[in-house]
C-alpha atoms as a PDB file:
ATOM      1  CA  THR A   1      16.424 -47.750 -10.073  1.00  0.00           C
ATOM      2  CA  LEU A   2      17.142 -44.575 -12.158  1.00  0.00           C
ATOM      3  CA  PRO A   3      17.910 -44.649 -16.028  1.00  0.00           C
ATOM      4  CA  SER A   4      21.249 -43.960 -15.464  1.00  0.00           C
ATOM      5  CA  GLY A   5      21.364 -47.114 -13.186  1.00  0.00           C
ATOM      6  CA  LYS A   6      21.920 -45.590  -9.980  1.00  0.00           C
ATOM      7  CA  GLN A   7      19.725 -46.262  -7.063  1.00  0.00           C
ATOM      8  CA  ILE A   8      17.770 -42.932  -5.543  1.00  0.00           C
ATOM      9  CA  HIS A   9      19.897 -43.340  -2.403  1.00  0.00           C
ATOM     10  CA  GLU A  10      23.056 -43.293  -4.277  1.00  0.00           C
ATOM     11  CA  LYS A  11      22.232 -40.230  -6.456  1.00  0.00           C
ATOM     12  CA  PHE A  12      21.233 -38.033  -3.478  1.00  0.00           C
ATOM     13  CA  LYS A  13      23.785 -39.621  -1.028  1.00  0.00           C
ATOM     14  CA  LEU A  14      21.014 -40.917   1.170  1.00  0.00           C
ATOM     15  CA  ASP A  15      22.293 -43.307   4.308  1.00  0.00           C
ATOM     16  CA  LEU A  16      20.095 -46.126   4.336  1.00  0.00           C
ATOM     17  CA  LYS A  17      21.600 -47.291   7.589  1.00  0.00           C
ATOM     18  CA  LYS A  18      20.023 -44.664   9.622  1.00  0.00           C
ATOM     19  CA  ARG A  19      16.646 -45.616  10.399  1.00  0.00           C
ATOM     20  CA  PRO A  20      14.258 -44.397   9.922  1.00  0.00           C
ATOM     21  CA  THR A  21      15.236 -42.830   6.622  1.00  0.00           C
ATOM     22  CA  ILE A  22      13.453 -39.538   6.184  1.00  0.00           C
ATOM     23  CA  PHE A  23      14.340 -36.842   3.550  1.00  0.00           C
ATOM     24  CA  VAL A  24      12.753 -33.489   2.582  1.00  0.00           C
ATOM     25  CA  SER A  25      12.687 -32.264  -0.982  1.00  0.00           C
ATOM     26  CA  GLY A  26      10.871 -29.907  -3.025  1.00  0.00           C
ATOM     27  CA  LYS A  27      10.848 -26.465  -1.725  1.00  0.00           C
ATOM     28  CA  VAL A  28      14.227 -27.164   0.040  1.00  0.00           C
ATOM     29  CA  GLY A  29      15.709 -28.054  -3.459  1.00  0.00           C
ATOM     30  CA  ALA A  30      17.586 -31.498  -3.763  1.00  0.00           C
ATOM     31  CA  PRO A  31      16.379 -34.111  -1.475  1.00  0.00           C
ATOM     32  CA  LYS A  32      17.891 -33.514   2.109  1.00  0.00           C
ATOM     33  CA  GLN A  33      18.129 -36.370   4.648  1.00  0.00           C
ATOM     34  CA  ILE A  34      16.889 -35.637   8.274  1.00  0.00           C
ATOM     35  CA  PRO A  35      19.513 -35.772  10.615  1.00  0.00           C
ATOM     36  CA  ALA A  36      19.349 -38.726  13.236  1.00  0.00           C
ATOM     37  CA  LYS A  37      19.430 -36.419  16.182  1.00  0.00           C
ATOM     38  CA  ASN A  38      16.159 -34.810  15.114  1.00  0.00           C
ATOM     39  CA  LEU A  39      14.684 -38.262  15.001  1.00  0.00           C
ATOM     40  CA  LYS A  40      14.596 -38.989  18.405  1.00  0.00           C
ATOM     41  CA  THR A  41      11.177 -37.421  19.541  1.00  0.00           C
ATOM     42  CA  GLY A  42       8.305 -36.242  17.303  1.00  0.00           C
ATOM     43  CA  HIS A  43       8.542 -32.508  18.629  1.00  0.00           C
ATOM     44  CA  MET A  44      11.974 -32.418  17.379  1.00  0.00           C
ATOM     45  CA  LEU A  45      11.341 -33.755  14.056  1.00  0.00           C
ATOM     46  CA  THR A  46       8.224 -31.171  13.759  1.00  0.00           C
ATOM     47  CA  LYS A  47      10.207 -28.074  14.913  1.00  0.00           C
ATOM     48  CA  LEU A  48      12.913 -29.170  12.243  1.00  0.00           C
ATOM     49  CA  LEU A  49      10.517 -29.428   9.585  1.00  0.00           C
ATOM     50  CA  LYS A  50       8.716 -26.412  10.222  1.00  0.00           C
ATOM     51  CA  GLY A  51      11.954 -24.673  10.097  1.00  0.00           C
ATOM     52  CA  MET A  52      12.696 -26.058   6.851  1.00  0.00           C
ATOM     53  CA  LEU A  53       9.268 -25.768   5.031  1.00  0.00           C
ATOM     54  CA  GLU A  54       7.655 -22.826   6.814  1.00  0.00           C
ATOM     55  CA  PRO A  55       8.864 -19.041   5.708  1.00  0.00           C
ATOM     56  CA  HIS A  56      10.843 -17.763   8.428  1.00  0.00           C
ATOM     57  CA  ALA A  57      13.443 -14.878   9.059  1.00  0.00           C
ATOM     58  CA  VAL A  58      17.074 -16.329   9.347  1.00  0.00           C
ATOM     59  CA  LYS A  59      19.119 -15.246  12.305  1.00  0.00           C
ATOM     60  CA  ILE A  60      22.311 -13.351  12.053  1.00  0.00           C
ATOM     61  CA  GLU A  61      24.745 -13.887  14.397  1.00  0.00           C
ATOM     62  CA  SER A  62      28.245 -13.023  12.622  1.00  0.00           C
ATOM     63  CA  SER A  63      29.826 -11.681   9.703  1.00  0.00           C
ATOM     64  CA  LYS A  64      29.801 -14.808   7.765  1.00  0.00           C
ATOM     65  CA  ASP A  65      26.074 -15.411   8.443  1.00  0.00           C
ATOM     66  CA  PHE A  66      25.350 -11.828   7.347  1.00  0.00           C
ATOM     67  CA  LYS A  67      27.165 -12.181   3.880  1.00  0.00           C
ATOM     68  CA  SER A  68      25.874 -15.802   2.989  1.00  0.00           C
ATOM     69  CA  LYS A  69      22.614 -15.576   4.583  1.00  0.00           C
ATOM     70  CA  CYS A  70      21.440 -12.020   3.462  1.00  0.00           C
ATOM     71  CA  LEU A  71      23.950  -9.950   1.645  1.00  0.00           C
ATOM     72  CA  ASN A  72      24.738 -12.420  -1.094  1.00  0.00           C
ATOM     73  CA  LYS A  73      20.908 -12.664  -1.805  1.00  0.00           C
ATOM     74  CA  ASN A  74      19.174 -10.514  -4.737  1.00  0.00           C
ATOM     75  CA  VAL A  75      17.197  -8.744  -2.201  1.00  0.00           C
ATOM     76  CA  CYS A  76      17.267  -8.952   1.615  1.00  0.00           C
ATOM     77  CA  ALA A  77      15.112  -7.117   4.220  1.00  0.00           C
ATOM     78  CA  LEU A  78      16.700  -7.010   7.786  1.00  0.00           C
ATOM     79  CA  LEU A  79      14.945  -6.411  10.962  1.00  0.00           C
ATOM     80  CA  LEU A  80      17.315  -4.923  13.483  1.00  0.00           C
ATOM     81  CA  LYS A  81      15.586  -5.616  17.088  1.00  0.00           C
ATOM     82  CA  GLY A  82      15.990  -3.148  19.775  1.00  0.00           C
ATOM     83  CA  GLY A  83      14.650  -5.792  22.116  1.00  0.00           C
ATOM     84  CA  SER A  84      11.716  -8.268  22.111  1.00  0.00           C
ATOM     85  CA  PRO A  85       9.363  -7.355  19.336  1.00  0.00           C
ATOM     86  CA  PRO A  86       5.633  -6.830  19.937  1.00  0.00           C
ATOM     87  CA  GLN A  87       3.038  -9.310  18.754  1.00  0.00           C
ATOM     88  CA  ALA A  88       1.840  -6.878  16.231  1.00  0.00           C
ATOM     89  CA  LEU A  89       5.565  -6.673  14.614  1.00  0.00           C
ATOM     90  CA  LYS A  90       5.695 -10.305  14.603  1.00  0.00           C
ATOM     91  CA  ASP A  91       2.409 -10.824  12.667  1.00  0.00           C
ATOM     92  CA  ALA A  92       3.533  -7.850  10.314  1.00  0.00           C
ATOM     93  CA  PHE A  93       6.884  -9.738   9.631  1.00  0.00           C
ATOM     94  CA  LYS A  94       5.000 -13.213   9.126  1.00  0.00           C
ATOM     95  CA  ASN A  95       2.719 -11.565   6.545  1.00  0.00           C
ATOM     96  CA  LEU A  96       5.629  -9.896   4.612  1.00  0.00           C
ATOM     97  CA  LEU A  97       7.526 -13.417   4.745  1.00  0.00           C
ATOM     98  CA  SER A  98       4.120 -15.017   3.000  1.00  0.00           C
ATOM     99  CA  THR A  99       3.817 -11.793   0.571  1.00  0.00           C
ATOM    100  CA  TYR A 100       7.314 -11.773  -0.837  1.00  0.00           C
ATOM    101  CA  GLU A 101       8.541 -15.275  -1.219  1.00  0.00           C
ATOM    102  CA  ASP A 102      11.354 -14.040  -3.671  1.00  0.00           C
ATOM    103  CA  VAL A 103      12.791 -11.826  -0.951  1.00  0.00           C
ATOM    104  CA  THR A 104      15.349 -13.291   1.928  1.00  0.00           C
ATOM    105  CA  PHE A 105      14.150 -11.734   5.455  1.00  0.00           C
ATOM    106  CA  ALA A 106      16.756 -11.677   8.192  1.00  0.00           C
ATOM    107  CA  SER A 107      17.138 -10.270  11.865  1.00  0.00           C
ATOM    108  CA  VAL A 108      19.525  -9.422  14.057  1.00  0.00           C
ATOM    109  CA  ASP A 109      19.760  -8.538  17.750  1.00  0.00           C
ATOM    110  CA  SER A 110      21.067  -4.903  18.056  1.00  0.00           C
ATOM    111  CA  GLN A 111      21.064  -5.189  21.768  1.00  0.00           C
ATOM    112  CA  ASN A 112      24.039  -7.273  21.597  1.00  0.00           C
ATOM    113  CA  MET A 113      25.315  -6.934  18.012  1.00  0.00           C
ATOM    114  CA  LEU A 114      26.565  -3.648  16.098  1.00  0.00           C
ATOM    115  CA  LEU A 115      26.755  -3.597  12.340  1.00  0.00           C
ATOM    116  CA  ILE A 116      30.158  -1.800  11.484  1.00  0.00           C
ATOM    117  CA  GLY A 117      29.897   0.274   8.516  1.00  0.00           C
ATOM    118  CA  LEU A 118      25.950   0.352   8.282  1.00  0.00           C
ATOM    119  CA  GLU A 119      24.922   2.214  11.521  1.00  0.00           C
ATOM    120  CA  GLU A 120      25.533   5.704  10.362  1.00  0.00           C
ATOM    121  CA  TYR A 121      22.897   5.083   7.445  1.00  0.00           C
ATOM    122  CA  LEU A 122      20.250   3.907   9.933  1.00  0.00           C
ATOM    123  CA  PRO A 123      18.225   6.048  12.698  1.00  0.00           C
ATOM    124  CA  GLU A 124      20.351   5.888  15.854  1.00  0.00           C
ATOM    125  CA  TYR A 125      20.086   2.991  18.034  1.00  0.00           C
ATOM    126  CA  GLU A 126      17.691   3.180  21.072  1.00  0.00           C
ATOM    127  CA  ALA A 127      16.713   0.319  23.434  1.00  0.00           C
ATOM    128  CA  GLY A 128      13.299  -0.748  22.681  1.00  0.00           C
ATOM    129  CA  HIS A 129      13.012   0.691  19.106  1.00  0.00           C
ATOM    130  CA  HIS A 130      13.257  -1.298  16.029  1.00  0.00           C
ATOM    131  CA  ARG A 131      14.778  -0.478  12.668  1.00  0.00           C
ATOM    132  CA  PHE A 132      14.206  -1.883   9.293  1.00  0.00           C
ATOM    133  CA  VAL A 133      16.500  -1.941   6.202  1.00  0.00           C
ATOM    134  CA  VAL A 134      16.380  -3.509   2.693  1.00  0.00           C
ATOM    135  CA  PHE A 135      19.587  -4.775   1.014  1.00  0.00           C
ATOM    136  CA  LYS A 136      19.777  -5.205  -2.959  1.00  0.00           C
ATOM    137  CA  LYS A 137      22.946  -6.834  -4.290  1.00  0.00           C
ATOM    138  CA  VAL A 138      24.826  -4.815  -6.965  1.00  0.00           C
ATOM    139  CA  SER A 139      27.666  -7.299  -8.142  1.00  0.00           C
ATOM    140  CA  GLY A 140      30.065  -9.834  -6.922  1.00  0.00           C
ATOM    141  CA  GLY A 141      29.530 -12.830  -4.482  1.00  0.00           C
ATOM    142  CA  LEU A 142      31.129 -14.982  -2.101  1.00  0.00           C
ATOM    143  CA  GLU A 143      33.389 -17.251  -4.413  1.00  0.00           C
ATOM    144  CA  ALA A 144      36.905 -15.854  -5.613  1.00  0.00           C
ATOM    145  CA  LYS A 145      35.575 -16.014  -9.119  1.00  0.00           C
ATOM    146  CA  ASP A 146      32.688 -13.859  -8.532  1.00  0.00           C
ATOM    147  CA  GLY A 147      34.688 -10.851  -7.207  1.00  0.00           C
ATOM    148  CA  ARG A 148      34.306  -8.661  -4.400  1.00  0.00           C
ATOM    149  CA  LEU A 149      30.690  -8.779  -3.175  1.00  0.00           C
ATOM    150  CA  VAL A 150      29.168  -5.210  -3.375  1.00  0.00           C
ATOM    151  CA  THR A 151      25.625  -4.278  -2.112  1.00  0.00           C
ATOM    152  CA  SER A 152      23.496  -1.242  -1.524  1.00  0.00           C
ATOM    153  CA  ILE A 153      20.960  -0.100   1.174  1.00  0.00           C
ATOM    154  CA  ALA A 154      17.653   1.630   1.513  1.00  0.00           C
ATOM    155  CA  PRO A 155      16.763   2.297   5.167  1.00  0.00           C
ATOM    156  CA  LEU A 156      13.069   2.615   6.538  1.00  0.00           C
ATOM    157  CA  ASP A 157      12.974   6.443   7.769  1.00  0.00           C
ATOM    158  CA  GLU A 158       9.170   5.661   8.987  1.00  0.00           C
ATOM    159  CA  SER A 159       7.411   3.954  11.656  1.00  0.00           C
ATOM    160  CA  ILE A 160       7.686   0.159  11.319  1.00  0.00           C
ATOM    161  CA  SER A 161       4.388  -1.260  10.097  1.00  0.00           C
ATOM    162  CA  PHE A 162       3.515  -3.640   7.452  1.00  0.00           C
ATOM    163  CA  ASN A 163       2.455  -0.848   5.087  1.00  0.00           C
ATOM    164  CA  ASN A 164       5.664   1.136   5.462  1.00  0.00           C
ATOM    165  CA  MET A 165       8.002  -1.850   5.571  1.00  0.00           C
ATOM    166  CA  SER A 166       5.969  -3.397   2.199  1.00  0.00           C
ATOM    167  CA  THR A 167       6.142  -0.166   0.443  1.00  0.00           C
ATOM    168  CA  LEU A 168       9.868  -0.101   0.683  1.00  0.00           C
ATOM    169  CA  ILE A 169      10.342  -3.318  -0.536  1.00  0.00           C
ATOM    170  CA  ASN A 170       8.296  -2.871  -3.407  1.00  0.00           C
ATOM    171  CA  ASN A 171      10.116   0.213  -4.190  1.00  0.00           C
ATOM    172  CA  VAL A 172      13.604  -1.405  -3.969  1.00  0.00           C
ATOM    173  CA  LYS A 173      12.249  -4.213  -6.159  1.00  0.00           C
ATOM    174  CA  ASN A 174      10.750  -2.141  -8.717  1.00  0.00           C
ATOM    175  CA  GLY A 175      13.617   0.615  -8.970  1.00  0.00           C
ATOM    176  CA  SER A 176      11.586   3.702  -7.899  1.00  0.00           C
ATOM    177  CA  ASN A 177      13.827   3.727  -4.573  1.00  0.00           C
ATOM    178  CA  LYS A 178      17.368   3.571  -5.810  1.00  0.00           C
ATOM    179  CA  PRO A 179      19.636   2.302  -2.650  1.00  0.00           C
ATOM    180  CA  LYS A 180      22.749   3.552  -1.787  1.00  0.00           C
ATOM    181  CA  LYS A 181      25.845   1.562  -2.808  1.00  0.00           C
ATOM    182  CA  LEU A 182      27.986   0.630   0.201  1.00  0.00           C
ATOM    183  CA  SER A 183      31.806   1.087  -0.415  1.00  0.00           C
ATOM    184  CA  SER A 184      32.391  -2.003   1.677  1.00  0.00           C
ATOM    185  CA  ALA A 185      30.265  -4.876   3.277  1.00  0.00           C
ATOM    186  CA  PRO A 186      28.999  -4.169   6.965  1.00  0.00           C
ATOM    187  CA  GLN A 187      30.582  -6.375   9.645  1.00  0.00           C
ATOM    188  CA  VAL A 188      28.619  -8.009  12.711  1.00  0.00           C
ATOM    189  CA  LYS A 189      30.593  -7.122  15.859  1.00  0.00           C
ATOM    190  CA  THR A 190      29.665  -7.570  19.812  1.00  0.00           C
ATOM    191  CA  ARG A 191      28.187  -4.339  20.970  1.00  0.00           C
ATOM    192  CA  THR A 192      30.690  -2.666  23.400  1.00  0.00           C
ATOM    193  CA  LYS A 193      31.126   1.072  24.493  1.00  0.00           C
ATOM    194  CA  LYS A 194      34.369   1.727  22.710  1.00  0.00           C
ATOM    195  CA  LEU A 195      32.612   0.526  19.273  1.00  0.00           C
ATOM    196  CA  GLU A 196      29.670   2.471  20.080  1.00  0.00           C
ATOM    197  CA  GLU A 197      31.647   5.668  20.517  1.00  0.00           C
ATOM    198  CA  ALA A 198      33.155   5.016  17.327  1.00  0.00           C
ATOM    199  CA  GLU A 199      30.170   4.707  15.535  1.00  0.00           C
ATOM    200  CA  ARG A 200      28.745   7.647  16.945  1.00  0.00           C
ATOM    201  CA  ALA A 201      31.946   9.647  16.039  1.00  0.00           C
ATOM    202  CA  LYS A 202      31.553   8.213  12.378  1.00  0.00           C
ATOM    203  CA  ARG A 203      27.932   9.440  12.247  1.00  0.00           C
ATOM    204  CA  ASP A 204      28.643  12.801  13.545  1.00  0.00           C
ATOM    205  CA  ARG A 205      31.647  13.261  10.604  1.00  0.00           C
ATOM    206  CA  ALA A 206      28.733  11.803   8.096  1.00  0.00           C
ATOM    207  CA  THR A 207      26.119  14.613   9.329  1.00  0.00           C
ATOM    208  CA  LYS A 208      28.746  17.543   9.368  1.00  0.00           C
ATOM    209  CA  LYS A 209      29.807  16.729   5.760  1.00  0.00           C
ATOM    210  CA  LYS A 210      26.142  16.755   4.690  1.00  0.00           C
ATOM    211  CA  GLU A 211      25.531  19.981   6.479  1.00  0.00           C
ATOM    212  CA  ALA A 212      28.732  21.635   4.990  1.00  0.00           C
ATOM    213  CA  PRO A 213      27.497  23.028   1.682  1.00  0.00           C
ATOM    214  CA  LYS A 214      24.155  24.235   3.555  1.00  0.00           C
ATOM    215  CA  GLN A 215      26.543  26.093   5.980  1.00  0.00           C
ATOM    216  CA  LYS A 216      28.724  27.558   3.127  1.00  0.00           C
ATOM    217  CA  ALA A 217      25.668  29.032   1.201  1.00  0.00           C
ATOM    218  CA  SER A 218      24.127  30.650   4.042  1.00  0.00           C
ATOM    219  CA  ALA A 219      27.801  31.904   5.266  1.00  0.00           C
ATOM    220  CA  THR A 220      28.010  33.396   1.889  1.00  0.00           C
ATOM    221  CA  SER A 221      24.615  34.617   1.320  1.00  0.00           C
ATOM    222  CA  THR A 222      25.234  38.085   3.307  1.00  0.00           C
ATOM    223  CA  ASN A 223      29.063  38.522   2.929  1.00  0.00           C
ATOM    224  CA  ASN A 224      30.812  39.293  -0.534  1.00  0.00           C
ATOM    225  CA  ASP A 225      34.177  37.677   0.208  1.00  0.00           C
ATOM    226  CA  GLY A 226      35.370  37.963  -3.752  1.00  0.00           C
ATOM    227  CA  SER A 227      33.851  34.698  -4.614  1.00  0.00           C
ATOM    228  CA  LYS A 228      31.721  33.740  -7.454  1.00  0.00           C
ATOM    229  CA  GLU A 229      29.193  32.985  -4.795  1.00  0.00           C
ATOM    230  CA  GLY A 230      29.484  36.156  -2.734  1.00  0.00           C
ATOM    231  CA  ARG A 231      29.373  38.026  -5.692  1.00  0.00           C
ATOM    232  CA  LYS A 232      26.315  36.728  -6.582  1.00  0.00           C
ATOM    233  CA  ALA A 233      24.893  37.063  -3.181  1.00  0.00           C
ATOM    234  CA  GLU A 234      25.961  40.765  -3.130  1.00  0.00           C
ATOM    235  CA  ARG A 235      23.804  41.467  -6.518  1.00  0.00           C
ATOM    236  CA  ASP A 236      20.901  39.574  -5.170  1.00  0.00           C
ATOM    237  CA  ARG A 237      20.979  41.809  -2.140  1.00  0.00           C
ATOM    238  CA  ARG A 238      21.323  45.010  -3.752  1.00  0.00           C
ATOM    239  CA  ARG A 239      18.550  43.993  -6.409  1.00  0.00           C
ATOM    240  CA  THR A 240      16.109  42.835  -3.403  1.00  0.00           C
ATOM    241  CA  GLU A 241      17.102  46.295  -1.845  1.00  0.00           C
ATOM    242  CA  HIS A 242      16.189  48.196  -4.949  1.00  0.00           C
ATOM    243  CA  ARG A 243      13.071  46.595  -5.676  1.00  0.00           C
ATOM    244  CA  GLU A 244      12.000  47.063  -1.940  1.00  0.00           C
ATOM    245  CA  GLY A 245      12.805  51.034  -2.233  1.00  0.00           C
ATOM    246  CA  ASN A 246      10.836  51.277  -5.486  1.00  0.00           C
ATOM    247  CA  PRO A 247       7.193  50.459  -4.925  1.00  0.00           C
ATOM    248  CA  GLU A 248       6.432  51.318  -8.759  1.00  0.00           C
ATOM    249  CA  TYR A 249       9.104  48.356  -9.590  1.00  0.00           C
ATOM    250  CA  LYS A 250       7.645  46.320 -12.199  1.00  0.00           C
ATOM    251  CA  GLU A 251       9.318  42.811 -13.262  1.00  0.00           C
ATOM    252  CA  LYS A 252       9.961  42.894 -17.048  1.00  0.00           C
ATOM    253  CA  THR A 253       8.439  40.596 -19.231  1.00  0.00           C
ATOM    254  CA  PRO A 254      10.643  38.022 -21.037  1.00  0.00           C
ATOM    255  CA  GLU A 255       9.812  39.915 -24.375  1.00  0.00           C
ATOM    256  CA  GLU A 256      10.906  43.337 -22.802  1.00  0.00           C
ATOM    257  CA  LYS A 257      14.150  41.655 -21.604  1.00  0.00           C
ATOM    258  CA  ALA A 258      14.813  40.095 -24.957  1.00  0.00           C
ATOM    259  CA  GLU A 259      14.627  43.349 -26.526  1.00  0.00           C
ATOM    260  CA  MET A 260      17.076  44.969 -24.076  1.00  0.00           C
ATOM    261  CA  GLU A 261      19.440  42.356 -24.790  1.00  0.00           C
ATOM    262  CA  ARG A 262      19.114  43.055 -28.600  1.00  0.00           C
ATOM    263  CA  GLN A 263      19.700  46.739 -28.223  1.00  0.00           C
ATOM    264  CA  ARG A 264      22.797  45.935 -25.831  1.00  0.00           C
ATOM    265  CA  ARG A 265      24.120  43.718 -28.518  1.00  0.00           C
ATOM    266  CA  ALA A 266      23.725  46.436 -31.043  1.00  0.00           C
ATOM    267  CA  ARG A 267      25.412  48.868 -29.065  1.00  0.00           C
ATOM    268  CA  MET A 268      28.354  46.622 -28.498  1.00  0.00           C
ATOM    269  CA  HIS A 269      28.539  45.886 -32.485  1.00  0.00           C
ATOM    270  CA  GLN A 270      28.515  49.787 -33.026  1.00  0.00           C
ATOM    271  CA  GLU A 271      31.484  50.456 -30.512  1.00  0.00           C
ATOM    272  CA  SER A 272      33.386  47.372 -31.805  1.00  0.00           C
ATOM    273  CA  GLU A 273      33.317  49.061 -35.265  1.00  0.00           C
ATOM    274  CA  LYS A 274      34.832  52.114 -34.078  1.00  0.00           C
ATOM    275  CA  TRP A 275      38.077  50.580 -33.286  1.00  0.00           C
ATOM    276  CA  ASN A 276      38.045  47.931 -35.526  1.00  0.00           C
ATOM    277  CA  ILE A 277      40.727  48.682 -38.629  1.00  0.00           C
ATOM    278  CA  GLY A 278      39.233  47.533 -41.981  1.00  0.00           C
ATOM    279  CA  ALA A 279      41.162  47.185 -45.166  1.00  0.00           C
ATOM    280  CA  GLU A 280      40.255  50.995 -46.393  1.00  0.00           C
ATOM    281  CA  ASP A 281      42.189  52.368 -43.442  1.00  0.00           C
ATOM    282  CA  ALA A 282      45.379  50.307 -44.182  1.00  0.00           C
ATOM    283  CA  PRO A 283      48.198  52.372 -46.459  1.00  0.00           C
ATOM    284  CA  GLU A 284      48.557  51.857 -50.159  1.00  0.00           C
ATOM    285  CA  GLU A 285      51.202  49.521 -51.394  1.00  0.00           C
ATOM    286  CA  GLY A 286      54.468  51.238 -51.696  1.00  0.00           C
ATOM    287  CA  GLU A 287      53.252  54.102 -49.543  1.00  0.00           C
ATOM    288  CA  PRO A 288      55.717  54.881 -46.788  1.00  0.00           C
ATOM    289  CA  SER A 289      54.412  54.702 -43.420  1.00  0.00           C
ATOM    290  CA  ASP A 290      54.949  57.333 -40.307  1.00  0.00           C
ATOM    291  CA  GLU A 291      56.805  54.713 -38.234  1.00  0.00           C
ATOM    292  CA  GLY A 292      60.146  56.303 -36.925  1.00  0.00           C
ATOM    293  CA  TYR A 293      58.759  59.685 -37.979  1.00  0.00           C
ATOM    294  CA  THR A 294      60.525  62.305 -35.547  1.00  0.00           C
ATOM    295  CA  GLY A 295      58.788  65.413 -36.765  1.00  0.00           C
ATOM    296  CA  PHE A 296      56.501  67.561 -34.498  1.00  0.00           C
ATOM    297  CA  GLU A 297      54.488  70.317 -35.051  1.00  0.00           C
ATOM    298  CA  ASP A 298      55.081  73.838 -32.914  1.00  0.00           C
ATOM    299  CA  GLY A 299      52.197  75.969 -31.719  1.00  0.00           C
ATOM    300  CA  ASP A 300      51.866  77.872 -34.963  1.00  0.00           C
ATOM    301  CA  GLY A 301      51.405  74.693 -37.069  1.00  0.00           C
ATOM    302  CA  GLU A 302      55.032  74.764 -38.650  1.00  0.00           C
ATOM    303  CA  GLU A 303      56.960  71.458 -38.412  1.00  0.00           C
ATOM    304  CA  TYR A 304      60.018  71.244 -36.578  1.00  0.00           C
ATOM    305  CA  MET A 305      62.507  68.430 -36.063  1.00  0.00           C
ATOM    306  CA  ASP A 306      63.744  67.120 -32.496  1.00  0.00           C
ATOM    307  CA  ASP A 307      67.375  66.225 -33.308  1.00  0.00           C
ATOM    308  CA  VAL A 308      67.564  63.686 -30.781  1.00  0.00           C
ATOM    309  CA  ASP A 309      70.705  61.996 -32.301  1.00  0.00           C
ATOM    310  CA  ASP A 310      73.172  65.049 -32.430  1.00  0.00           C
ATOM    311  CA  ASP A 311      73.948  65.648 -29.048  1.00  0.00           C
ATOM    312  CA  ASP A 312      77.637  65.802 -29.351  1.00  0.00           C
ATOM    313  CA  ASP A 313      77.934  69.613 -29.481  1.00  0.00           C
ATOM    314  CA  ASP A 314      76.041  69.972 -26.290  1.00  0.00           C
ATOM    315  CA  ASN A 315      78.474  67.785 -24.469  1.00  0.00           C
ATOM    316  CA  GLU A 316      81.759  69.102 -25.949  1.00  0.00           C
ATOM    317  CA  GLU A 317      83.737  71.095 -23.484  1.00  0.00           C
ATOM    318  CA  GLU A 318      83.704  75.014 -23.910  1.00  0.00           C
ATOM    319  CA  VAL A 319      87.240  76.609 -24.732  1.00  0.00           C
ATOM    320  CA  LEU A 320      87.828  79.971 -22.930  1.00  0.00           C
ATOM    321  CA  ASP A 321      89.862  82.388 -24.485  1.00  0.00           C
ATOM    322  CA  LEU A 322      91.947  83.925 -21.823  1.00  0.00           C
ATOM    323  CA  ASP A 323      93.796  86.428 -24.015  1.00  0.00           C
END
């Protein structure tokens, strides 16, 4: 009897009517009763206890499994099997399970299952080849109060071995490897040709998008299209041609460049002084200005007036004396 007055079987909801009453506690958390169907033979009981107590990779068969058993964990390492894994890979994974007790390990059969929203970040699927990726939870959860589940991904771009997988897990845990944040949670679907073609097209679009800046840079490296990049490329090309055609060219030192810049600024200042109107150039107060002045000088230096307003005499009709 517990201090609260309850019996142990009442607190942990153990059904004493099922004989023998066997439960497991400790590593699995609160006491869990062994179902009666697993008590029929010793082999069935042993198999269940091994699955509960020994570290093992959880099997992913649906999107619900994927979210609850892997993506909702702080760090989850997923093996995408391209077929029956060799014994060396099994041993490596078993060592990882015992080495990283705080990491969840999972596996999915890539021969029959396709992970939508994940394939474009991984090496392309090939039958018989296995892939490995580590997920790190960003925020959210499965409950509505937790918000939308957001995770990030760090794929293994090297060959699959214990050292490479272990290094990737360590780098994700200590932050030296920054996983890429996913816009949506991946989904597990049955592999079909239609889905394969869609994922292949998505992979091609992602590749083209990644290569587009490089292609733009290479296209503007030789052609001056008037853009900022084109003008810079043209200057660089001419500079290179000048240096190649001048064997005695010598790169200026930082001090020489600084002196050239100082002289350039001094010349600019001198030129600007010629155009600036200072206070001494302004007319004195009360002195009339020449604004509206219509007088000009002839070739002898004498001033004459251009009567621009009295054109009436020129426009009057001439009177002929017929007498």
